[in-house]
Amino acid sequence: MPCALSVIIEGRFETKCDKQEGKMEKTTKAKVPSVSDVMGKNLPEKKFRAGAVAATVWTNETVRDGKKVSYQTVSFERSYKDKDGAWKNTNSLRISDLPKAVLVLGKAYEFLALNNEQMDEEDIY
């Protein structure tokens, strides 16, 4: 039976087959796991890049006083190629990287400040 539609909708894979020549309609649904479900990894919320310099915003969870609490952090790195041509990352900056670092960290702060309604004064200053 030829299928009319195969799509991923809200994390589910759906295949729908039409009725043809008296055949019954067939629908298959399966939840498509996210990368974090499969690999157990926390994926970044947002990444800001200027050349080889990047700031990444992460959302983390912890338990505080018996309650699940979310908080956000920012990681920072510079990418480079080693002598063999393999890509590596470091937290060390060259002088020419400093303006890019200011830019991506400012963008990360702007993203957090504009998108986080729970940010209190203590977090801003």
C-alpha atoms as a PDB file:
ATOM      1  CA  MET A   1       0.000   0.000   0.000  1.00  0.00           C
ATOM      2  CA  PRO A   2       1.611   3.339  -1.014  1.00  0.00           C
ATOM      3  CA  CYS A   3       1.924   5.850   1.807  1.00  0.00           C
ATOM      4  CA  ALA A   4       0.709   9.382   1.313  1.00  0.00           C
ATOM      5  CA  LEU A   5       2.575  11.102   4.136  1.00  0.00           C
ATOM      6  CA  SER A   6       5.621  10.536   6.334  1.00  0.00           C
ATOM      7  CA  VAL A   7       6.496  13.438   8.611  1.00  0.00           C
ATOM      8  CA  ILE A   8       7.903  14.249  12.013  1.00  0.00           C
ATOM      9  CA  ILE A   9       5.319  16.195  14.009  1.00  0.00           C
ATOM     10  CA  GLU A  10       6.112  17.429  17.531  1.00  0.00           C
ATOM     11  CA  GLY A  11       8.644  14.694  18.202  1.00  0.00           C
ATOM     12  CA  ARG A  12       6.537  11.896  16.663  1.00  0.00           C
ATOM     13  CA  PHE A  13       7.114  10.128  13.372  1.00  0.00           C
ATOM     14  CA  GLU A  14       3.837   9.553  11.574  1.00  0.00           C
ATOM     15  CA  THR A  15       3.131   7.505   8.466  1.00  0.00           C
ATOM     16  CA  LYS A  16      -0.368   7.608   7.007  1.00  0.00           C
ATOM     17  CA  CYS A  17      -1.535   5.383   4.192  1.00  0.00           C
ATOM     18  CA  ASP A  18      -4.696   6.159   2.213  1.00  0.00           C
ATOM     19  CA  LYS A  19      -7.525   3.762   1.497  1.00  0.00           C
ATOM     20  CA  GLN A  20      -6.990   2.449  -1.988  1.00  0.00           C
ATOM     21  CA  GLU A  21      -8.820  -0.321  -3.803  1.00  0.00           C
ATOM     22  CA  GLY A  22     -10.745  -1.372  -0.684  1.00  0.00           C
ATOM     23  CA  LYS A  23      -7.659  -1.543   1.563  1.00  0.00           C
ATOM     24  CA  MET A  24      -7.845  -0.291   5.142  1.00  0.00           C
ATOM     25  CA  GLU A  25      -6.201   2.966   6.258  1.00  0.00           C
ATOM     26  CA  LYS A  26      -3.006   2.376   8.195  1.00  0.00           C
ATOM     27  CA  THR A  27      -1.481   4.875  10.647  1.00  0.00           C
ATOM     28  CA  THR A  28       1.827   4.349  12.412  1.00  0.00           C
ATOM     29  CA  LYS A  29       2.989   6.672  15.178  1.00  0.00           C
ATOM     30  CA  ALA A  30       6.234   6.526  17.115  1.00  0.00           C
ATOM     31  CA  LYS A  31       7.871   9.043  19.438  1.00  0.00           C
ATOM     32  CA  VAL A  32      11.141  10.278  17.972  1.00  0.00           C
ATOM     33  CA  PRO A  33      13.588  10.717  20.861  1.00  0.00           C
ATOM     34  CA  SER A  34      15.635  13.880  21.048  1.00  0.00           C
ATOM     35  CA  VAL A  35      19.432  13.792  20.992  1.00  0.00           C
ATOM     36  CA  SER A  36      19.477  14.595  24.712  1.00  0.00           C
ATOM     37  CA  ASP A  37      17.099  11.657  25.395  1.00  0.00           C
ATOM     38  CA  VAL A  38      19.295   9.236  23.477  1.00  0.00           C
ATOM     39  CA  MET A  39      22.709  10.477  24.528  1.00  0.00           C
ATOM     40  CA  GLY A  40      21.826  11.869  27.953  1.00  0.00           C
ATOM     41  CA  LYS A  41      23.420  15.188  27.064  1.00  0.00           C
ATOM     42  CA  ASN A  42      22.284  18.678  27.917  1.00  0.00           C
ATOM     43  CA  LEU A  43      22.019  20.570  24.622  1.00  0.00           C
ATOM     44  CA  PRO A  44      22.850  24.280  24.380  1.00  0.00           C
ATOM     45  CA  GLU A  45      19.991  26.753  24.445  1.00  0.00           C
ATOM     46  CA  LYS A  46      21.782  29.291  22.230  1.00  0.00           C
ATOM     47  CA  LYS A  47      25.256  29.804  20.777  1.00  0.00           C
ATOM     48  CA  PHE A  48      26.794  33.125  19.741  1.00  0.00           C
ATOM     49  CA  ARG A  49      29.843  33.063  17.466  1.00  0.00           C
ATOM     50  CA  ALA A  50      32.203  35.695  16.087  1.00  0.00           C
ATOM     51  CA  GLY A  51      34.841  34.000  13.992  1.00  0.00           C
ATOM     52  CA  ALA A  52      36.601  31.384  16.123  1.00  0.00           C
ATOM     53  CA  VAL A  53      35.228  32.743  19.416  1.00  0.00           C
ATOM     54  CA  ALA A  54      31.927  31.452  20.828  1.00  0.00           C
ATOM     55  CA  ALA A  55      29.759  31.883  23.923  1.00  0.00           C
ATOM     56  CA  THR A  56      27.164  29.180  24.594  1.00  0.00           C
ATOM     57  CA  VAL A  57      24.114  29.550  26.858  1.00  0.00           C
ATOM     58  CA  TRP A  58      23.120  26.413  28.805  1.00  0.00           C
ATOM     59  CA  THR A  59      20.077  25.638  30.938  1.00  0.00           C
ATOM     60  CA  ASN A  60      20.831  23.361  33.871  1.00  0.00           C
ATOM     61  CA  GLU A  61      18.697  21.844  36.608  1.00  0.00           C
ATOM     62  CA  THR A  62      19.417  21.075  40.237  1.00  0.00           C
ATOM     63  CA  VAL A  63      17.426  20.251  43.351  1.00  0.00           C
ATOM     64  CA  ARG A  64      17.392  22.974  45.994  1.00  0.00           C
ATOM     65  CA  ASP A  65      15.353  22.547  49.197  1.00  0.00           C
ATOM     66  CA  GLY A  66      13.575  19.579  47.610  1.00  0.00           C
ATOM     67  CA  LYS A  67      12.493  21.578  44.554  1.00  0.00           C
ATOM     68  CA  LYS A  68      13.750  21.255  40.981  1.00  0.00           C
ATOM     69  CA  VAL A  69      15.356  24.572  40.034  1.00  0.00           C
ATOM     70  CA  SER A  70      16.575  25.664  36.581  1.00  0.00           C
ATOM     71  CA  TYR A  71      19.465  28.051  36.120  1.00  0.00           C
ATOM     72  CA  GLN A  72      21.467  29.255  33.145  1.00  0.00           C
ATOM     73  CA  THR A  73      25.203  29.394  32.598  1.00  0.00           C
ATOM     74  CA  VAL A  74      27.449  30.635  29.803  1.00  0.00           C
ATOM     75  CA  SER A  75      30.504  28.769  28.550  1.00  0.00           C
ATOM     76  CA  PHE A  76      33.174  30.360  26.417  1.00  0.00           C
ATOM     77  CA  GLU A  77      35.686  28.957  23.923  1.00  0.00           C
ATOM     78  CA  ARG A  78      37.940  29.702  20.999  1.00  0.00           C
ATOM     79  CA  SER A  79      38.361  27.159  18.196  1.00  0.00           C
ATOM     80  CA  TYR A  80      41.632  26.615  16.375  1.00  0.00           C
ATOM     81  CA  LYS A  81      43.385  24.081  14.159  1.00  0.00           C
ATOM     82  CA  ASP A  82      46.412  22.268  15.556  1.00  0.00           C
ATOM     83  CA  LYS A  83      49.564  21.508  13.570  1.00  0.00           C
ATOM     84  CA  ASP A  84      47.908  18.381  12.093  1.00  0.00           C
ATOM     85  CA  GLY A  85      44.856  20.338  10.929  1.00  0.00           C
ATOM     86  CA  ALA A  86      42.497  18.910  13.589  1.00  0.00           C
ATOM     87  CA  TRP A  87      40.018  21.304  15.215  1.00  0.00           C
ATOM     88  CA  LYS A  88      40.577  21.965  18.938  1.00  0.00           C
ATOM     89  CA  ASN A  89      39.013  24.281  21.533  1.00  0.00           C
ATOM     90  CA  THR A  90      40.605  26.417  24.226  1.00  0.00           C
ATOM     91  CA  ASN A  91      39.590  29.034  26.778  1.00  0.00           C
ATOM     92  CA  SER A  92      42.768  31.058  26.151  1.00  0.00           C
ATOM     93  CA  LEU A  93      42.514  34.163  24.004  1.00  0.00           C
ATOM     94  CA  ARG A  94      44.903  36.077  21.792  1.00  0.00           C
ATOM     95  CA  ILE A  95      44.831  39.865  21.829  1.00  0.00           C
ATOM     96  CA  SER A  96      42.916  39.900  18.543  1.00  0.00           C
ATOM     97  CA  ASP A  97      40.237  37.645  20.095  1.00  0.00           C
ATOM     98  CA  LEU A  98      39.329  40.110  22.865  1.00  0.00           C
ATOM     99  CA  PRO A  99      36.888  42.288  20.832  1.00  0.00           C
ATOM    100  CA  LYS A 100      35.135  39.140  19.589  1.00  0.00           C
ATOM    101  CA  ALA A 101      34.932  37.834  23.164  1.00  0.00           C
ATOM    102  CA  VAL A 102      33.326  41.083  24.314  1.00  0.00           C
ATOM    103  CA  LEU A 103      30.815  40.849  21.457  1.00  0.00           C
ATOM    104  CA  VAL A 104      29.707  37.221  22.000  1.00  0.00           C
ATOM    105  CA  LEU A 105      29.568  37.558  25.800  1.00  0.00           C
ATOM    106  CA  GLY A 106      27.513  40.748  25.421  1.00  0.00           C
ATOM    107  CA  LYS A 107      25.113  38.922  23.081  1.00  0.00           C
ATOM    108  CA  ALA A 108      24.815  36.044  25.568  1.00  0.00           C
ATOM    109  CA  TYR A 109      24.031  38.497  28.367  1.00  0.00           C
ATOM    110  CA  GLU A 110      21.491  40.320  26.173  1.00  0.00           C
ATOM    111  CA  PHE A 111      19.798  36.996  25.332  1.00  0.00           C
ATOM    112  CA  LEU A 112      19.600  36.027  29.005  1.00  0.00           C
ATOM    113  CA  ALA A 113      18.422  39.442  30.199  1.00  0.00           C
ATOM    114  CA  LEU A 114      15.692  39.753  27.554  1.00  0.00           C
ATOM    115  CA  ASN A 115      14.458  36.145  27.757  1.00  0.00           C
ATOM    116  CA  ASN A 116      14.628  35.430  31.470  1.00  0.00           C
ATOM    117  CA  GLU A 117      11.651  36.807  33.368  1.00  0.00           C
ATOM    118  CA  GLN A 118      12.930  35.301  36.617  1.00  0.00           C
ATOM    119  CA  MET A 119      16.205  37.227  36.543  1.00  0.00           C
ATOM    120  CA  ASP A 120      16.379  39.306  39.695  1.00  0.00           C
ATOM    121  CA  GLU A 121      18.450  42.380  40.474  1.00  0.00           C
ATOM    122  CA  GLU A 122      21.191  40.323  42.076  1.00  0.00           C
ATOM    123  CA  ASP A 123      21.767  38.482  38.765  1.00  0.00           C
ATOM    124  CA  ILE A 124      21.866  41.697  36.717  1.00  0.00           C
ATOM    125  CA  TYR A 125      24.619  43.496  38.632  1.00  0.00           C
END
